[in-house]
C-alpha atoms as a PDB file:
ATOM      1  CA  MET A   1      -0.037  -0.012  -0.141  1.00  0.00           C
ATOM      2  CA  ALA A   2       3.206   2.510   0.679  1.00  0.00           C
ATOM      3  CA  PRO A   3       3.950   3.082  -3.113  1.00  0.00           C
ATOM      4  CA  ARG A   4       0.202   3.336  -3.808  1.00  0.00           C
ATOM      5  CA  HIS A   5       0.822   6.577  -1.389  1.00  0.00           C
ATOM      6  CA  ARG A   6       3.731   7.990  -2.835  1.00  0.00           C
ATOM      7  CA  ARG A   7       2.251   7.932  -6.147  1.00  0.00           C
ATOM      8  CA  THR A   8      -0.980   9.728  -5.042  1.00  0.00           C
ATOM      9  CA  ASN A   9       1.468  12.625  -3.077  1.00  0.00           C
ATOM     10  CA  LYS A  10       3.341  13.093  -6.630  1.00  0.00           C
ATOM     11  CA  ASN A  11       0.644  13.331  -8.976  1.00  0.00           C
ATOM     12  CA  ASN A  12      -0.712  15.839  -5.754  1.00  0.00           C
ATOM     13  CA  HIS A  13       2.563  17.382  -6.090  1.00  0.00           C
ATOM     14  CA  ASP A  14       2.398  17.529 -10.045  1.00  0.00           C
ATOM     15  CA  ILE A  15      -0.995  19.074 -10.082  1.00  0.00           C
ATOM     16  CA  VAL A  16      -0.020  22.014  -7.426  1.00  0.00           C
ATOM     17  CA  GLU A  17       3.174  22.783  -9.516  1.00  0.00           C
ATOM     18  CA  LYS A  18       1.480  23.398 -12.288  1.00  0.00           C
ATOM     19  CA  SER A  19      -1.393  25.047 -11.170  1.00  0.00           C
ATOM     20  CA  LEU A  20       1.359  27.257 -10.139  1.00  0.00           C
ATOM     21  CA  PHE A  21       2.844  27.802 -12.938  1.00  0.00           C
ATOM     22  CA  PHE A  22      -0.193  28.703 -14.861  1.00  0.00           C
ATOM     23  CA  LEU A  23      -0.619  31.105 -12.550  1.00  0.00           C
ATOM     24  CA  LEU A  24       2.525  32.916 -12.926  1.00  0.00           C
ATOM     25  CA  ILE A  25       2.131  32.770 -16.656  1.00  0.00           C
ATOM     26  CA  ILE A  26      -1.784  34.833 -16.315  1.00  0.00           C
ATOM     27  CA  SER A  27      -0.365  37.415 -13.784  1.00  0.00           C
ATOM     28  CA  LEU A  28       2.882  37.853 -16.650  1.00  0.00           C
ATOM     29  CA  HIS A  29       0.282  38.906 -18.661  1.00  0.00           C
ATOM     30  CA  LEU A  30      -1.433  41.173 -16.595  1.00  0.00           C
ATOM     31  CA  VAL A  31       0.840  43.252 -15.380  1.00  0.00           C
ATOM     32  CA  PRO A  32       0.844  45.908 -18.707  1.00  0.00           C
ATOM     33  CA  SER A  33      -2.583  46.351 -17.718  1.00  0.00           C
ATOM     34  CA  TRP A  34      -1.743  47.628 -14.025  1.00  0.00           C
ATOM     35  CA  GLY A  35      -0.867  50.967 -15.575  1.00  0.00           C
ATOM     36  CA  LEU A  36      -1.162  53.192 -18.550  1.00  0.00           C
ATOM     37  CA  THR A  37       1.967  54.101 -21.293  1.00  0.00           C
ATOM     38  CA  ASP A  38       3.113  57.463 -21.583  1.00  0.00           C
ATOM     39  CA  SER A  39       1.145  57.602 -24.968  1.00  0.00           C
ATOM     40  CA  GLU A  40      -1.977  56.139 -23.422  1.00  0.00           C
ATOM     41  CA  SER A  41      -1.622  58.548 -20.583  1.00  0.00           C
ATOM     42  CA  LEU A  42      -1.531  61.702 -22.674  1.00  0.00           C
ATOM     43  CA  LEU A  43      -4.671  60.469 -25.234  1.00  0.00           C
ATOM     44  CA  LYS A  44      -6.571  60.416 -22.003  1.00  0.00           C
ATOM     45  CA  PHE A  45      -5.388  64.028 -21.593  1.00  0.00           C
ATOM     46  CA  LYS A  46      -5.932  65.073 -24.944  1.00  0.00           C
ATOM     47  CA  ALA A  47      -8.671  63.563 -24.747  1.00  0.00           C
ATOM     48  CA  SER A  48     -10.230  65.649 -21.836  1.00  0.00           C
ATOM     49  CA  LEU A  49      -9.303  69.232 -23.789  1.00  0.00           C
ATOM     50  CA  ALA A  50     -11.409  71.210 -26.072  1.00  0.00           C
ATOM     51  CA  ASN A  51     -10.091  72.626 -29.852  1.00  0.00           C
ATOM     52  CA  ALA A  52      -7.191  70.478 -29.604  1.00  0.00           C
ATOM     53  CA  LYS A  53      -6.658  70.447 -33.380  1.00  0.00           C
ATOM     54  CA  ALA A  54      -3.146  71.369 -32.693  1.00  0.00           C
ATOM     55  CA  LEU A  55      -2.251  67.940 -31.053  1.00  0.00           C
ATOM     56  CA  ALA A  56      -3.432  65.865 -34.412  1.00  0.00           C
ATOM     57  CA  ASP A  57      -0.146  63.812 -34.395  1.00  0.00           C
ATOM     58  CA  TRP A  58      -0.633  62.994 -30.869  1.00  0.00           C
ATOM     59  CA  ALA A  59      -2.135  59.196 -32.216  1.00  0.00           C
ATOM     60  CA  ASP A  60      -1.736  55.520 -30.456  1.00  0.00           C
ATOM     61  CA  ASN A  61      -0.146  54.437 -33.820  1.00  0.00           C
ATOM     62  CA  ASN A  62       2.851  56.830 -33.879  1.00  0.00           C
ATOM     63  CA  VAL A  63       5.065  56.551 -30.864  1.00  0.00           C
ATOM     64  CA  VAL A  64       5.481  59.681 -28.368  1.00  0.00           C
ATOM     65  CA  CYS A  65       9.397  59.594 -27.757  1.00  0.00           C
ATOM     66  CA  ASP A  66      12.523  57.879 -29.987  1.00  0.00           C
ATOM     67  CA  GLY A  67      15.364  58.493 -27.221  1.00  0.00           C
ATOM     68  CA  ASP A  68      15.902  61.229 -26.660  1.00  0.00           C
ATOM     69  CA  SER A  69      13.530  62.764 -29.775  1.00  0.00           C
ATOM     70  CA  ALA A  70      10.031  63.275 -29.482  1.00  0.00           C
ATOM     71  CA  ASN A  71       7.603  62.422 -32.413  1.00  0.00           C
ATOM     72  CA  TRP A  72       4.276  64.607 -30.399  1.00  0.00           C
ATOM     73  CA  ILE A  73       4.467  68.035 -31.006  1.00  0.00           C
ATOM     74  CA  GLY A  74       4.563  69.746 -27.383  1.00  0.00           C
ATOM     75  CA  VAL A  75       6.363  66.687 -26.301  1.00  0.00           C
ATOM     76  CA  ILE A  76      10.091  66.586 -24.307  1.00  0.00           C
ATOM     77  CA  CYS A  77      11.299  63.136 -23.808  1.00  0.00           C
ATOM     78  CA  ASP A  78      14.683  62.051 -22.365  1.00  0.00           C
ATOM     79  CA  GLU A  79      15.582  58.512 -22.764  1.00  0.00           C
ATOM     80  CA  GLY A  80      12.183  57.298 -24.172  1.00  0.00           C
ATOM     81  CA  LEU A  81      10.008  58.507 -21.728  1.00  0.00           C
ATOM     82  CA  VAL A  82       7.862  61.950 -21.318  1.00  0.00           C
ATOM     83  CA  LEU A  83       9.882  64.324 -19.279  1.00  0.00           C
ATOM     84  CA  GLY A  84       7.816  67.521 -19.998  1.00  0.00           C
ATOM     85  CA  LEU A  85       4.936  69.029 -21.374  1.00  0.00           C
ATOM     86  CA  GLN A  86       5.140  72.721 -23.445  1.00  0.00           C
ATOM     87  CA  LEU A  87       1.889  73.041 -25.088  1.00  0.00           C
ATOM     88  CA  GLU A  88       1.879  76.969 -25.706  1.00  0.00           C
ATOM     89  CA  LYS A  89      -0.320  78.988 -27.757  1.00  0.00           C
ATOM     90  CA  MET A  90      -2.429  76.086 -28.869  1.00  0.00           C
ATOM     91  CA  GLY A  91      -5.390  77.309 -28.374  1.00  0.00           C
ATOM     92  CA  LEU A  92      -6.424  75.052 -25.915  1.00  0.00           C
ATOM     93  CA  GLY A  93      -9.252  74.638 -23.115  1.00  0.00           C
ATOM     94  CA  GLY A  94     -11.483  73.026 -21.645  1.00  0.00           C
ATOM     95  CA  LYS A  95     -10.242  69.814 -18.403  1.00  0.00           C
ATOM     96  CA  ILE A  96      -6.973  69.163 -17.870  1.00  0.00           C
ATOM     97  CA  ASP A  97      -7.125  66.056 -16.756  1.00  0.00           C
ATOM     98  CA  VAL A  98      -4.004  65.898 -13.841  1.00  0.00           C
ATOM     99  CA  ASP A  99      -4.798  62.181 -12.739  1.00  0.00           C
ATOM    100  CA  SER A 100      -3.922  61.313 -16.631  1.00  0.00           C
ATOM    101  CA  LEU A 101      -0.467  63.625 -16.349  1.00  0.00           C
ATOM    102  CA  ALA A 102       0.298  61.748 -12.827  1.00  0.00           C
ATOM    103  CA  GLU A 103       0.528  58.439 -14.744  1.00  0.00           C
ATOM    104  CA  LEU A 104       3.681  60.230 -16.414  1.00  0.00           C
ATOM    105  CA  GLU A 105       5.852  59.073 -13.752  1.00  0.00           C
ATOM    106  CA  GLU A 106       8.943  61.046 -14.838  1.00  0.00           C
ATOM    107  CA  LEU A 107       7.164  64.235 -16.058  1.00  0.00           C
ATOM    108  CA  LYS A 108       9.020  67.303 -14.572  1.00  0.00           C
ATOM    109  CA  THR A 109       7.818  70.383 -16.342  1.00  0.00           C
ATOM    110  CA  VAL A 110       4.286  71.631 -17.944  1.00  0.00           C
ATOM    111  CA  SER A 111       4.165  74.451 -19.801  1.00  0.00           C
ATOM    112  CA  LEU A 112       0.484  75.711 -20.669  1.00  0.00           C
ATOM    113  CA  MET A 113       0.755  79.628 -21.112  1.00  0.00           C
ATOM    114  CA  ASP A 114      -1.089  81.898 -23.469  1.00  0.00           C
ATOM    115  CA  ASN A 115      -4.042  79.357 -23.936  1.00  0.00           C
ATOM    116  CA  ALA A 116      -7.559  79.373 -23.141  1.00  0.00           C
ATOM    117  CA  PHE A 117      -8.069  77.309 -19.874  1.00  0.00           C
ATOM    118  CA  ASP A 118     -10.687  78.905 -17.775  1.00  0.00           C
ATOM    119  CA  GLY A 119     -12.064  78.219 -14.077  1.00  0.00           C
ATOM    120  CA  PRO A 120     -10.534  77.169 -10.959  1.00  0.00           C
ATOM    121  CA  LEU A 121      -6.970  75.763 -10.436  1.00  0.00           C
ATOM    122  CA  PRO A 122      -6.848  72.179 -11.262  1.00  0.00           C
ATOM    123  CA  ASP A 123      -5.166  69.809  -8.391  1.00  0.00           C
ATOM    124  CA  PHE A 124      -1.644  70.312  -9.507  1.00  0.00           C
ATOM    125  CA  LYS A 125      -0.179  69.090  -6.225  1.00  0.00           C
ATOM    126  CA  LYS A 126      -0.830  65.700  -7.628  1.00  0.00           C
ATOM    127  CA  LEU A 127       1.999  66.252  -9.552  1.00  0.00           C
ATOM    128  CA  GLY A 128       4.697  66.005  -6.798  1.00  0.00           C
ATOM    129  CA  GLY A 129       7.627  65.555  -8.865  1.00  0.00           C
ATOM    130  CA  LEU A 130       7.201  68.845 -10.893  1.00  0.00           C
ATOM    131  CA  ARG A 131      10.161  70.772 -11.065  1.00  0.00           C
ATOM    132  CA  ALA A 132       8.028  73.910 -13.349  1.00  0.00           C
ATOM    133  CA  LEU A 133       4.458  74.965 -13.718  1.00  0.00           C
ATOM    134  CA  TYR A 134       3.901  77.475 -16.461  1.00  0.00           C
ATOM    135  CA  LEU A 135      -0.117  78.587 -16.130  1.00  0.00           C
ATOM    136  CA  SER A 136       0.001  82.338 -17.426  1.00  0.00           C
ATOM    137  CA  ASN A 137      -1.788  83.961 -19.745  1.00  0.00           C
ATOM    138  CA  ASN A 138      -5.125  81.984 -19.468  1.00  0.00           C
ATOM    139  CA  GLN A 139      -8.353  82.560 -18.480  1.00  0.00           C
ATOM    140  CA  PHE A 140      -7.878  80.339 -14.577  1.00  0.00           C
ATOM    141  CA  SER A 141     -10.164  82.172 -11.668  1.00  0.00           C
ATOM    142  CA  GLY A 142     -11.195  81.885  -8.486  1.00  0.00           C
ATOM    143  CA  GLU A 143      -9.887  81.571  -5.026  1.00  0.00           C
ATOM    144  CA  ILE A 144      -6.504  78.818  -5.387  1.00  0.00           C
ATOM    145  CA  PRO A 145      -7.185  76.669  -1.765  1.00  0.00           C
ATOM    146  CA  ALA A 146      -4.422  77.227   0.420  1.00  0.00           C
ATOM    147  CA  ASP A 147      -2.961  73.645   0.195  1.00  0.00           C
ATOM    148  CA  ALA A 148      -2.925  73.883  -3.622  1.00  0.00           C
ATOM    149  CA  PHE A 149       0.948  73.644  -3.671  1.00  0.00           C
ATOM    150  CA  GLN A 150       1.188  71.320  -0.160  1.00  0.00           C
ATOM    151  CA  GLY A 151       3.809  68.735  -0.847  1.00  0.00           C
ATOM    152  CA  MET A 152       5.173  70.048  -4.472  1.00  0.00           C
ATOM    153  CA  THR A 153       8.971  70.316  -2.540  1.00  0.00           C
ATOM    154  CA  LYS A 154      10.666  70.031  -5.874  1.00  0.00           C
ATOM    155  CA  LEU A 155       8.950  72.951  -7.312  1.00  0.00           C
ATOM    156  CA  LYS A 156      11.101  75.656  -8.646  1.00  0.00           C
ATOM    157  CA  LYS A 157       9.767  77.766 -10.784  1.00  0.00           C
ATOM    158  CA  LEU A 158       5.771  78.823 -10.980  1.00  0.00           C
ATOM    159  CA  TYR A 159       4.259  81.208 -13.351  1.00  0.00           C
ATOM    160  CA  LEU A 160       0.777  82.029 -12.501  1.00  0.00           C
ATOM    161  CA  SER A 161       0.875  85.623 -14.216  1.00  0.00           C
ATOM    162  CA  GLY A 162      -2.223  87.237 -16.672  1.00  0.00           C
ATOM    163  CA  ASN A 163      -5.030  84.987 -14.883  1.00  0.00           C
ATOM    164  CA  LYS A 164      -8.071  86.095 -12.944  1.00  0.00           C
ATOM    165  CA  PHE A 165      -7.188  84.409  -9.644  1.00  0.00           C
ATOM    166  CA  THR A 166      -9.195  86.046  -6.184  1.00  0.00           C
ATOM    167  CA  GLY A 167      -8.585  85.523  -2.448  1.00  0.00           C
ATOM    168  CA  GLU A 168      -5.284  85.137  -0.913  1.00  0.00           C
ATOM    169  CA  ILE A 169      -1.548  83.999  -2.196  1.00  0.00           C
ATOM    170  CA  PRO A 170      -2.113  80.241  -1.063  1.00  0.00           C
ATOM    171  CA  SER A 171       0.338  79.550   2.143  1.00  0.00           C
ATOM    172  CA  SER A 172       1.305  76.281   0.735  1.00  0.00           C
ATOM    173  CA  LEU A 173       3.958  78.423  -0.871  1.00  0.00           C
ATOM    174  CA  ALA A 174       5.243  80.203   1.695  1.00  0.00           C
ATOM    175  CA  GLY A 175       7.379  76.468   2.561  1.00  0.00           C
ATOM    176  CA  LEU A 176       8.518  75.591  -1.252  1.00  0.00           C
ATOM    177  CA  SER A 177      12.079  76.744  -0.321  1.00  0.00           C
ATOM    178  CA  LYS A 178      13.365  75.620  -4.157  1.00  0.00           C
ATOM    179  CA  LEU A 179      11.196  78.047  -5.463  1.00  0.00           C
ATOM    180  CA  THR A 180      13.000  80.504  -7.537  1.00  0.00           C
ATOM    181  CA  ASN A 181      10.858  81.904 -10.354  1.00  0.00           C
ATOM    182  CA  LEU A 182       7.080  82.807  -8.848  1.00  0.00           C
ATOM    183  CA  ARG A 183       5.082  84.991 -11.147  1.00  0.00           C
ATOM    184  CA  LEU A 184       1.751  86.492  -9.446  1.00  0.00           C
ATOM    185  CA  GLU A 185       1.566  89.874 -11.142  1.00  0.00           C
ATOM    186  CA  GLN A 186      -1.936  91.184 -13.264  1.00  0.00           C
ATOM    187  CA  ASN A 187      -4.426  88.954 -11.187  1.00  0.00           C
ATOM    188  CA  GLU A 188      -6.827  89.953  -8.431  1.00  0.00           C
ATOM    189  CA  PHE A 189      -5.270  88.626  -5.070  1.00  0.00           C
ATOM    190  CA  THR A 190      -5.835  90.360  -1.915  1.00  0.00           C
ATOM    191  CA  GLY A 191      -4.418  90.169   1.617  1.00  0.00           C
ATOM    192  CA  ARG A 192      -0.967  89.895   2.497  1.00  0.00           C
ATOM    193  CA  LEU A 193       2.018  87.964   1.279  1.00  0.00           C
ATOM    194  CA  PRO A 194       3.182  85.157   3.532  1.00  0.00           C
ATOM    195  CA  GLU A 195       6.511  85.266   4.563  1.00  0.00           C
ATOM    196  CA  PHE A 196       8.618  82.704   1.787  1.00  0.00           C
ATOM    197  CA  THR A 197      11.601  80.396   2.975  1.00  0.00           C
ATOM    198  CA  ALA A 198      12.679  80.374  -0.654  1.00  0.00           C
ATOM    199  CA  LYS A 199      15.257  82.763  -1.846  1.00  0.00           C
ATOM    200  CA  PHE A 200      13.544  84.129  -5.480  1.00  0.00           C
ATOM    201  CA  GLU A 201      15.922  84.813  -8.609  1.00  0.00           C
ATOM    202  CA  ASP A 202      12.409  86.241 -10.112  1.00  0.00           C
ATOM    203  CA  PHE A 203       9.247  86.946  -7.985  1.00  0.00           C
ATOM    204  CA  ASN A 204       6.398  89.933  -9.084  1.00  0.00           C
ATOM    205  CA  ALA A 205       3.234  90.481  -7.614  1.00  0.00           C
ATOM    206  CA  SER A 206       2.534  93.583  -9.277  1.00  0.00           C
ATOM    207  CA  ASP A 207      -1.214  94.664 -10.361  1.00  0.00           C
ATOM    208  CA  ASN A 208      -2.862  92.779  -7.530  1.00  0.00           C
ATOM    209  CA  LYS A 209      -4.991  94.636  -4.548  1.00  0.00           C
ATOM    210  CA  LEU A 210      -2.489  93.245  -1.914  1.00  0.00           C
ATOM    211  CA  GLU A 211      -1.931  95.266   1.254  1.00  0.00           C
ATOM    212  CA  GLY A 212       0.249  95.076   4.442  1.00  0.00           C
ATOM    213  CA  PRO A 213       3.433  94.969   5.121  1.00  0.00           C
ATOM    214  CA  ILE A 214       6.283  93.603   2.923  1.00  0.00           C
ATOM    215  CA  PRO A 215       7.889  90.251   4.539  1.00  0.00           C
ATOM    216  CA  ALA A 216      11.522  90.587   5.647  1.00  0.00           C
ATOM    217  CA  SER A 217      12.156  87.483   2.853  1.00  0.00           C
ATOM    218  CA  LEU A 218      11.063  90.270  -0.534  1.00  0.00           C
ATOM    219  CA  ALA A 219      12.501  93.296   1.598  1.00  0.00           C
ATOM    220  CA  ASN A 220      15.662  93.520  -0.982  1.00  0.00           C
ATOM    221  CA  LEU A 221      13.454  93.053  -3.783  1.00  0.00           C
ATOM    222  CA  ASP A 222      13.117  95.420  -6.887  1.00  0.00           C
ATOM    223  CA  PRO A 223      10.112  97.972  -5.765  1.00  0.00           C
ATOM    224  CA  SER A 224       8.379  97.048  -9.598  1.00  0.00           C
ATOM    225  CA  ALA A 225       7.504  93.507  -8.244  1.00  0.00           C
ATOM    226  CA  PHE A 226       5.027  95.491  -5.975  1.00  0.00           C
ATOM    227  CA  SER A 227       3.616  98.409  -8.146  1.00  0.00           C
ATOM    228  CA  GLY A 228       0.520  98.293 -10.248  1.00  0.00           C
ATOM    229  CA  LYS A 229      -3.055  97.996  -8.450  1.00  0.00           C
ATOM    230  CA  ILE A 230      -1.973  97.884  -4.873  1.00  0.00           C
ATOM    231  CA  SER A 231      -2.372  99.623  -1.930  1.00  0.00           C
ATOM    232  CA  SER A 232      -0.334 102.597  -1.025  1.00  0.00           C
ATOM    233  CA  VAL A 233       0.240 101.527   2.341  1.00  0.00           C
ATOM    234  CA  PHE A 234       1.728  98.359   1.178  1.00  0.00           C
ATOM    235  CA  LEU A 235       4.212 100.546  -1.166  1.00  0.00           C
ATOM    236  CA  ASN A 236       4.990 102.826   1.319  1.00  0.00           C
ATOM    237  CA  MET A 237       6.326  99.794   3.772  1.00  0.00           C
ATOM    238  CA  LEU A 238       8.904 100.170   0.935  1.00  0.00           C
ATOM    239  CA  ASN A 239       9.854 103.257   0.825  1.00  0.00           C
ATOM    240  CA  VAL A 240       8.674 104.311  -2.529  1.00  0.00           C
ATOM    241  CA  SER A 241       5.997 106.453  -3.986  1.00  0.00           C
ATOM    242  CA  PHE A 242       2.498 104.777  -5.359  1.00  0.00           C
ATOM    243  CA  PRO A 243       2.487 104.601  -9.409  1.00  0.00           C
END
């Protein structure tokens, strides 16, 4: 009887091994479906836009990146991956699908300047790896949440000028120590400027409705960075005349 028992155990062992093998094969085939490719993510982003005729060559039969060269207009590539988007002066509008951009793991810079985007600021803090975000000269409007830039610790350049933002400048900008360029001019921001931790190479908050004292972190800047539609009390803190 012992030999039969051993044969039964061997058969069971073979069945288990075969089952595990097939499960492994199936799981390997399923892996690609867990995340989108760069081209799929960009096409999803394109689908959310209005008037995207300028992106006609964004198509699934066209490879996005060939090494460091991009086959899709407005795309910046590095070693076959999407590093940035430079989609300026294209007449683009509609919704910005930030979730699709978040699928681009190497995305470092996004420029949507001089387009027709409107409404509230999208939730760009989902793109925590961004180094630069350029949104100037659109029709964005409304108040920006205080935590809008929370966690974007790698951000160096932020351009929000030439929009219709209102309310206070978001406090989450104050803690971004790597910021070197911050453009806020030509909006409707009110209240006081926060005390920034960054050392700016380029800063402009002119043509807003700010008031209160100039923070010590900005005291060495040229007065022109605060001119325009601004409180005379605010400018007196810099010992300059009201324009």
